[in-house]
Amino acid sequence: MDKKEDRLNKILATTIDLLIKEGAENLSMRKVAKNAGLSLSNLQYYYKDKNLLLISTVEFYFESCKRELSYAIKLLSVDSTPDKDVFLKKILNMLLIDGRSIHQTLMFQEIWTLAARNKELQDAVETYYKTYCLWMIDLVSTFFKKPDEIVSFLIPFVEGYTIVSNVLPLTKEEVIKMMVKLISIVEK
């Protein structure tokens, strides 16, 4: 990486950190510059305003999520088993996370909030989720006859689970067992 790319990555990582810790409403160009060890004018050289900084930050963040997801999917594919229920349990165990315990959920909440007021960010969110759906369909299609239906069922559930997992009456293991049963009904 060259010096400029290092500096851009530092700015974007700093912005992500501030969004997670303080939320979008407390984010300012001045705060990002200070925390990144730059002058405000130096930050504005790279990003002329907060909107451009946020768009770049979201795109940077989604790229890192795509890399993580690709790696996890690659591991699942390599370790795949011919038993579709075992495979489904593995993928659900990976995807069902307690949103209170991971910074990724906080960042996505901030992104969704920002996207509600910014068309460019909304487009970036939709592009990310379309890609996510396609990856999941590709992965699930090796085991199931109706991958589109399964992914259309799984992704909204998984996303919602991160928000409400701490108040559900079932444990994660019980939820996984129930989901496997429901998906086997869809597959009939």
C-alpha atoms as a PDB file:
ATOM      1  CA  MET A   1       0.000   0.000   0.000  1.00  0.00           C
ATOM      2  CA  ASP A   2       1.191   3.491  -0.738  1.00  0.00           C
ATOM      3  CA  LYS A   3       1.103   6.400   1.682  1.00  0.00           C
ATOM      4  CA  LYS A   4      -2.102   7.886   0.252  1.00  0.00           C
ATOM      5  CA  GLU A   5      -3.939   4.558   0.471  1.00  0.00           C
ATOM      6  CA  ASP A   6      -2.724   4.099   4.055  1.00  0.00           C
ATOM      7  CA  ARG A   7      -4.017   7.558   4.938  1.00  0.00           C
ATOM      8  CA  LEU A   8      -7.405   6.915   3.287  1.00  0.00           C
ATOM      9  CA  ASN A   9      -7.746   3.600   5.134  1.00  0.00           C
ATOM     10  CA  LYS A  10      -6.879   5.346   8.412  1.00  0.00           C
ATOM     11  CA  ILE A  11      -9.525   8.024   7.778  1.00  0.00           C
ATOM     12  CA  LEU A  12     -12.196   5.453   6.941  1.00  0.00           C
ATOM     13  CA  ALA A  13     -11.306   3.180   9.871  1.00  0.00           C
ATOM     14  CA  THR A  14     -11.430   6.207  12.191  1.00  0.00           C
ATOM     15  CA  THR A  15     -14.840   7.185  10.818  1.00  0.00           C
ATOM     16  CA  ILE A  16     -16.141   3.642  11.375  1.00  0.00           C
ATOM     17  CA  ASP A  17     -14.816   3.661  14.928  1.00  0.00           C
ATOM     18  CA  LEU A  18     -16.493   7.007  15.661  1.00  0.00           C
ATOM     19  CA  LEU A  19     -19.787   5.885  14.113  1.00  0.00           C
ATOM     20  CA  ILE A  20     -19.806   2.763  16.282  1.00  0.00           C
ATOM     21  CA  LYS A  21     -18.833   4.561  19.484  1.00  0.00           C
ATOM     22  CA  GLU A  22     -20.718   7.840  19.117  1.00  0.00           C
ATOM     23  CA  GLY A  23     -23.282   7.444  16.330  1.00  0.00           C
ATOM     24  CA  ALA A  24     -23.811   9.429  13.155  1.00  0.00           C
ATOM     25  CA  GLU A  25     -25.423  12.370  14.934  1.00  0.00           C
ATOM     26  CA  ASN A  26     -22.162  13.057  16.794  1.00  0.00           C
ATOM     27  CA  LEU A  27     -19.876  12.622  13.806  1.00  0.00           C
ATOM     28  CA  SER A  28     -18.142  15.684  12.435  1.00  0.00           C
ATOM     29  CA  MET A  29     -15.335  16.270   9.966  1.00  0.00           C
ATOM     30  CA  ARG A  30     -13.360  18.002  12.702  1.00  0.00           C
ATOM     31  CA  LYS A  31     -13.710  14.980  15.029  1.00  0.00           C
ATOM     32  CA  VAL A  32     -12.642  12.545  12.286  1.00  0.00           C
ATOM     33  CA  ALA A  33      -9.626  14.690  11.435  1.00  0.00           C
ATOM     34  CA  LYS A  34      -8.552  14.951  15.075  1.00  0.00           C
ATOM     35  CA  ASN A  35      -8.937  11.205  15.725  1.00  0.00           C
ATOM     36  CA  ALA A  36      -7.132  10.326  12.488  1.00  0.00           C
ATOM     37  CA  GLY A  37      -4.240  12.635  13.395  1.00  0.00           C
ATOM     38  CA  LEU A  38      -4.889  15.043  10.521  1.00  0.00           C
ATOM     39  CA  SER A  39      -5.727  18.680  10.134  1.00  0.00           C
ATOM     40  CA  LEU A  40      -9.270  19.462   9.009  1.00  0.00           C
ATOM     41  CA  SER A  41      -7.978  20.893   5.726  1.00  0.00           C
ATOM     42  CA  ASN A  42      -5.987  17.705   5.094  1.00  0.00           C
ATOM     43  CA  LEU A  43      -9.128  15.592   5.643  1.00  0.00           C
ATOM     44  CA  GLN A  44     -11.069  17.915   3.319  1.00  0.00           C
ATOM     45  CA  TYR A  45      -8.405  17.379   0.661  1.00  0.00           C
ATOM     46  CA  TYR A  46      -9.564  13.731   0.504  1.00  0.00           C
ATOM     47  CA  TYR A  47     -13.258  14.237   1.333  1.00  0.00           C
ATOM     48  CA  LYS A  48     -14.653  17.695   0.665  1.00  0.00           C
ATOM     49  CA  ASP A  49     -17.661  17.170   2.950  1.00  0.00           C
ATOM     50  CA  LYS A  50     -19.213  14.817   5.477  1.00  0.00           C
ATOM     51  CA  ASN A  51     -21.547  13.261   2.911  1.00  0.00           C
ATOM     52  CA  LEU A  52     -18.664  12.123   0.676  1.00  0.00           C
ATOM     53  CA  LEU A  53     -16.820  10.825   3.738  1.00  0.00           C
ATOM     54  CA  LEU A  54     -19.881   8.814   4.828  1.00  0.00           C
ATOM     55  CA  ILE A  55     -20.443   7.331   1.376  1.00  0.00           C
ATOM     56  CA  SER A  56     -16.798   6.281   1.145  1.00  0.00           C
ATOM     57  CA  THR A  57     -16.919   4.894   4.683  1.00  0.00           C
ATOM     58  CA  VAL A  58     -19.989   2.775   3.960  1.00  0.00           C
ATOM     59  CA  GLU A  59     -18.458   1.439   0.738  1.00  0.00           C
ATOM     60  CA  PHE A  60     -15.205   0.668   2.585  1.00  0.00           C
ATOM     61  CA  TYR A  61     -17.121  -1.051   5.376  1.00  0.00           C
ATOM     62  CA  PHE A  62     -19.199  -3.142   2.963  1.00  0.00           C
ATOM     63  CA  GLU A  63     -16.045  -4.242   1.161  1.00  0.00           C
ATOM     64  CA  SER A  64     -14.600  -5.486   4.456  1.00  0.00           C
ATOM     65  CA  CYS A  65     -17.898  -7.294   5.201  1.00  0.00           C
ATOM     66  CA  LYS A  66     -17.809  -8.905   1.764  1.00  0.00           C
ATOM     67  CA  ARG A  67     -14.261 -10.149   2.422  1.00  0.00           C
ATOM     68  CA  GLU A  68     -15.313 -11.610   5.784  1.00  0.00           C
ATOM     69  CA  LEU A  69     -18.408 -13.223   4.300  1.00  0.00           C
ATOM     70  CA  SER A  70     -16.459 -14.624   1.337  1.00  0.00           C
ATOM     71  CA  TYR A  71     -13.951 -16.151   3.716  1.00  0.00           C
ATOM     72  CA  ALA A  72     -16.677 -17.684   5.895  1.00  0.00           C
ATOM     73  CA  ILE A  73     -18.512 -19.043   2.855  1.00  0.00           C
ATOM     74  CA  LYS A  74     -15.263 -20.469   1.500  1.00  0.00           C
ATOM     75  CA  LEU A  75     -14.705 -22.263   4.807  1.00  0.00           C
ATOM     76  CA  LEU A  76     -18.240 -23.644   4.724  1.00  0.00           C
ATOM     77  CA  SER A  77     -17.831 -24.765   1.120  1.00  0.00           C
ATOM     78  CA  VAL A  78     -14.525 -26.512   1.816  1.00  0.00           C
ATOM     79  CA  ASP A  79     -15.913 -28.140   4.948  1.00  0.00           C
ATOM     80  CA  SER A  80     -19.229 -28.972   3.331  1.00  0.00           C
ATOM     81  CA  THR A  81     -20.938 -32.189   4.101  1.00  0.00           C
ATOM     82  CA  PRO A  82     -23.421 -34.106   1.964  1.00  0.00           C
ATOM     83  CA  ASP A  83     -25.997 -33.852   4.768  1.00  0.00           C
ATOM     84  CA  LYS A  84     -28.036 -30.711   4.125  1.00  0.00           C
ATOM     85  CA  ASP A  85     -29.327 -30.464   7.720  1.00  0.00           C
ATOM     86  CA  VAL A  86     -25.780 -30.452   9.102  1.00  0.00           C
ATOM     87  CA  PHE A  87     -24.809 -27.853   6.515  1.00  0.00           C
ATOM     88  CA  LEU A  88     -27.839 -25.706   7.404  1.00  0.00           C
ATOM     89  CA  LYS A  89     -27.045 -25.920  11.119  1.00  0.00           C
ATOM     90  CA  LYS A  90     -23.475 -24.749  10.407  1.00  0.00           C
ATOM     91  CA  ILE A  91     -24.589 -21.798   8.326  1.00  0.00           C
ATOM     92  CA  LEU A  92     -27.263 -20.773  10.840  1.00  0.00           C
ATOM     93  CA  ASN A  93     -24.784 -21.020  13.687  1.00  0.00           C
ATOM     94  CA  MET A  94     -22.476 -18.698  11.760  1.00  0.00           C
ATOM     95  CA  LEU A  95     -25.183 -16.175  10.812  1.00  0.00           C
ATOM     96  CA  LEU A  96     -27.300 -16.001  13.973  1.00  0.00           C
ATOM     97  CA  ILE A  97     -25.425 -13.587  16.195  1.00  0.00           C
ATOM     98  CA  ASP A  98     -26.345 -11.667  19.297  1.00  0.00           C
ATOM     99  CA  GLY A  99     -26.316  -8.098  18.070  1.00  0.00           C
ATOM    100  CA  ARG A 100     -25.303  -6.730  21.453  1.00  0.00           C
ATOM    101  CA  SER A 101     -21.984  -8.520  21.298  1.00  0.00           C
ATOM    102  CA  ILE A 102     -20.627  -7.381  17.959  1.00  0.00           C
ATOM    103  CA  HIS A 103     -19.622  -3.980  16.598  1.00  0.00           C
ATOM    104  CA  GLN A 104     -20.844  -4.965  13.130  1.00  0.00           C
ATOM    105  CA  THR A 105     -24.466  -4.725  14.259  1.00  0.00           C
ATOM    106  CA  LEU A 106     -23.914  -1.230  15.639  1.00  0.00           C
ATOM    107  CA  MET A 107     -22.329  -0.139  12.382  1.00  0.00           C
ATOM    108  CA  PHE A 108     -25.192  -1.561  10.326  1.00  0.00           C
ATOM    109  CA  GLN A 109     -27.700   0.269  12.541  1.00  0.00           C
ATOM    110  CA  GLU A 110     -25.868   3.521  11.869  1.00  0.00           C
ATOM    111  CA  ILE A 111     -25.716   2.773   8.137  1.00  0.00           C
ATOM    112  CA  TRP A 112     -29.456   2.048   7.982  1.00  0.00           C
ATOM    113  CA  THR A 113     -30.175   5.280   9.850  1.00  0.00           C
ATOM    114  CA  LEU A 114     -27.995   7.280   7.476  1.00  0.00           C
ATOM    115  CA  ALA A 115     -29.412   5.498   4.405  1.00  0.00           C
ATOM    116  CA  ALA A 116     -32.934   6.563   5.358  1.00  0.00           C
ATOM    117  CA  ARG A 117     -31.878  10.147   4.635  1.00  0.00           C
ATOM    118  CA  ASN A 118     -29.364   9.641   1.827  1.00  0.00           C
ATOM    119  CA  LYS A 119     -30.181   8.046  -1.543  1.00  0.00           C
ATOM    120  CA  GLU A 120     -26.547   7.219  -2.360  1.00  0.00           C
ATOM    121  CA  LEU A 121     -26.144   5.366   0.924  1.00  0.00           C
ATOM    122  CA  GLN A 122     -29.471   3.616   0.405  1.00  0.00           C
ATOM    123  CA  ASP A 123     -28.224   2.424  -3.003  1.00  0.00           C
ATOM    124  CA  ALA A 124     -24.994   1.154  -1.420  1.00  0.00           C
ATOM    125  CA  VAL A 125     -26.993  -0.784   1.210  1.00  0.00           C
ATOM    126  CA  GLU A 126     -29.214  -2.344  -1.444  1.00  0.00           C
ATOM    127  CA  THR A 127     -26.213  -3.309  -3.575  1.00  0.00           C
ATOM    128  CA  TYR A 128     -24.558  -4.948  -0.565  1.00  0.00           C
ATOM    129  CA  TYR A 129     -27.669  -6.980   0.284  1.00  0.00           C
ATOM    130  CA  LYS A 130     -28.213  -8.025  -3.342  1.00  0.00           C
ATOM    131  CA  THR A 131     -24.653  -9.349  -3.422  1.00  0.00           C
ATOM    132  CA  TYR A 132     -25.169 -11.039  -0.056  1.00  0.00           C
ATOM    133  CA  CYS A 133     -28.332 -12.743  -1.371  1.00  0.00           C
ATOM    134  CA  LEU A 134     -26.557 -13.957  -4.510  1.00  0.00           C
ATOM    135  CA  TRP A 135     -23.700 -15.439  -2.464  1.00  0.00           C
ATOM    136  CA  MET A 136     -26.153 -17.184  -0.189  1.00  0.00           C
ATOM    137  CA  ILE A 137     -28.216 -18.525  -3.102  1.00  0.00           C
ATOM    138  CA  ASP A 138     -25.062 -19.893  -4.703  1.00  0.00           C
ATOM    139  CA  LEU A 139     -23.977 -21.524  -1.460  1.00  0.00           C
ATOM    140  CA  VAL A 140     -27.392 -22.969  -0.590  1.00  0.00           C
ATOM    141  CA  SER A 141     -28.073 -24.219  -4.145  1.00  0.00           C
ATOM    142  CA  THR A 142     -25.584 -27.058  -3.745  1.00  0.00           C
ATOM    143  CA  PHE A 143     -27.806 -28.530  -1.026  1.00  0.00           C
ATOM    144  CA  PHE A 144     -31.358 -27.357  -1.689  1.00  0.00           C
ATOM    145  CA  LYS A 145     -33.802 -27.400  -4.611  1.00  0.00           C
ATOM    146  CA  LYS A 146     -35.349 -24.015  -3.779  1.00  0.00           C
ATOM    147  CA  PRO A 147     -32.404 -21.779  -2.860  1.00  0.00           C
ATOM    148  CA  ASP A 148     -34.228 -18.531  -3.738  1.00  0.00           C
ATOM    149  CA  GLU A 149     -37.034 -19.345  -1.299  1.00  0.00           C
ATOM    150  CA  ILE A 150     -34.664 -20.441   1.437  1.00  0.00           C
ATOM    151  CA  VAL A 151     -32.488 -17.328   1.150  1.00  0.00           C
ATOM    152  CA  SER A 152     -35.585 -15.101   1.019  1.00  0.00           C
ATOM    153  CA  PHE A 153     -36.641 -16.703   4.295  1.00  0.00           C
ATOM    154  CA  LEU A 154     -33.219 -16.797   5.969  1.00  0.00           C
ATOM    155  CA  ILE A 155     -31.788 -13.337   5.384  1.00  0.00           C
ATOM    156  CA  PRO A 156     -34.630 -11.267   6.904  1.00  0.00           C
ATOM    157  CA  PHE A 157     -34.767 -13.676   9.834  1.00  0.00           C
ATOM    158  CA  VAL A 158     -31.011 -13.550  10.403  1.00  0.00           C
ATOM    159  CA  GLU A 159     -30.979  -9.752  10.207  1.00  0.00           C
ATOM    160  CA  GLY A 160     -33.872  -9.458  12.659  1.00  0.00           C
ATOM    161  CA  TYR A 161     -32.349 -12.030  14.994  1.00  0.00           C
ATOM    162  CA  THR A 162     -29.358  -9.770  15.656  1.00  0.00           C
ATOM    163  CA  ILE A 163     -31.727  -7.133  17.002  1.00  0.00           C
ATOM    164  CA  VAL A 164     -34.054  -9.264  19.141  1.00  0.00           C
ATOM    165  CA  SER A 165     -32.023 -12.363  20.045  1.00  0.00           C
ATOM    166  CA  ASN A 166     -31.691 -11.317  23.688  1.00  0.00           C
ATOM    167  CA  VAL A 167     -35.478 -11.268  24.232  1.00  0.00           C
ATOM    168  CA  LEU A 168     -36.499 -14.435  22.379  1.00  0.00           C
ATOM    169  CA  PRO A 169     -37.893 -17.245  24.557  1.00  0.00           C
ATOM    170  CA  LEU A 170     -35.807 -19.879  22.706  1.00  0.00           C
ATOM    171  CA  THR A 171     -32.060 -20.409  22.852  1.00  0.00           C
ATOM    172  CA  LYS A 172     -29.971 -20.057  19.705  1.00  0.00           C
ATOM    173  CA  GLU A 173     -29.734 -23.856  19.465  1.00  0.00           C
ATOM    174  CA  GLU A 174     -33.526 -24.200  19.721  1.00  0.00           C
ATOM    175  CA  VAL A 175     -34.005 -21.517  17.061  1.00  0.00           C
ATOM    176  CA  ILE A 176     -31.593 -23.339  14.749  1.00  0.00           C
ATOM    177  CA  LYS A 177     -33.448 -26.615  15.270  1.00  0.00           C
ATOM    178  CA  MET A 178     -36.769 -24.900  14.477  1.00  0.00           C
ATOM    179  CA  MET A 179     -35.349 -23.208  11.359  1.00  0.00           C
ATOM    180  CA  VAL A 180     -34.001 -26.524  10.047  1.00  0.00           C
ATOM    181  CA  LYS A 181     -37.478 -28.052  10.501  1.00  0.00           C
ATOM    182  CA  LEU A 182     -39.180 -25.138   8.731  1.00  0.00           C
ATOM    183  CA  ILE A 183     -36.748 -25.226   5.829  1.00  0.00           C
ATOM    184  CA  SER A 184     -37.237 -28.966   5.410  1.00  0.00           C
ATOM    185  CA  ILE A 185     -40.964 -28.239   4.969  1.00  0.00           C
ATOM    186  CA  VAL A 186     -40.188 -25.675   2.253  1.00  0.00           C
ATOM    187  CA  GLU A 187     -38.002 -28.234   0.492  1.00  0.00           C
ATOM    188  CA  LYS A 188     -40.777 -30.859   0.227  1.00  0.00           C
END
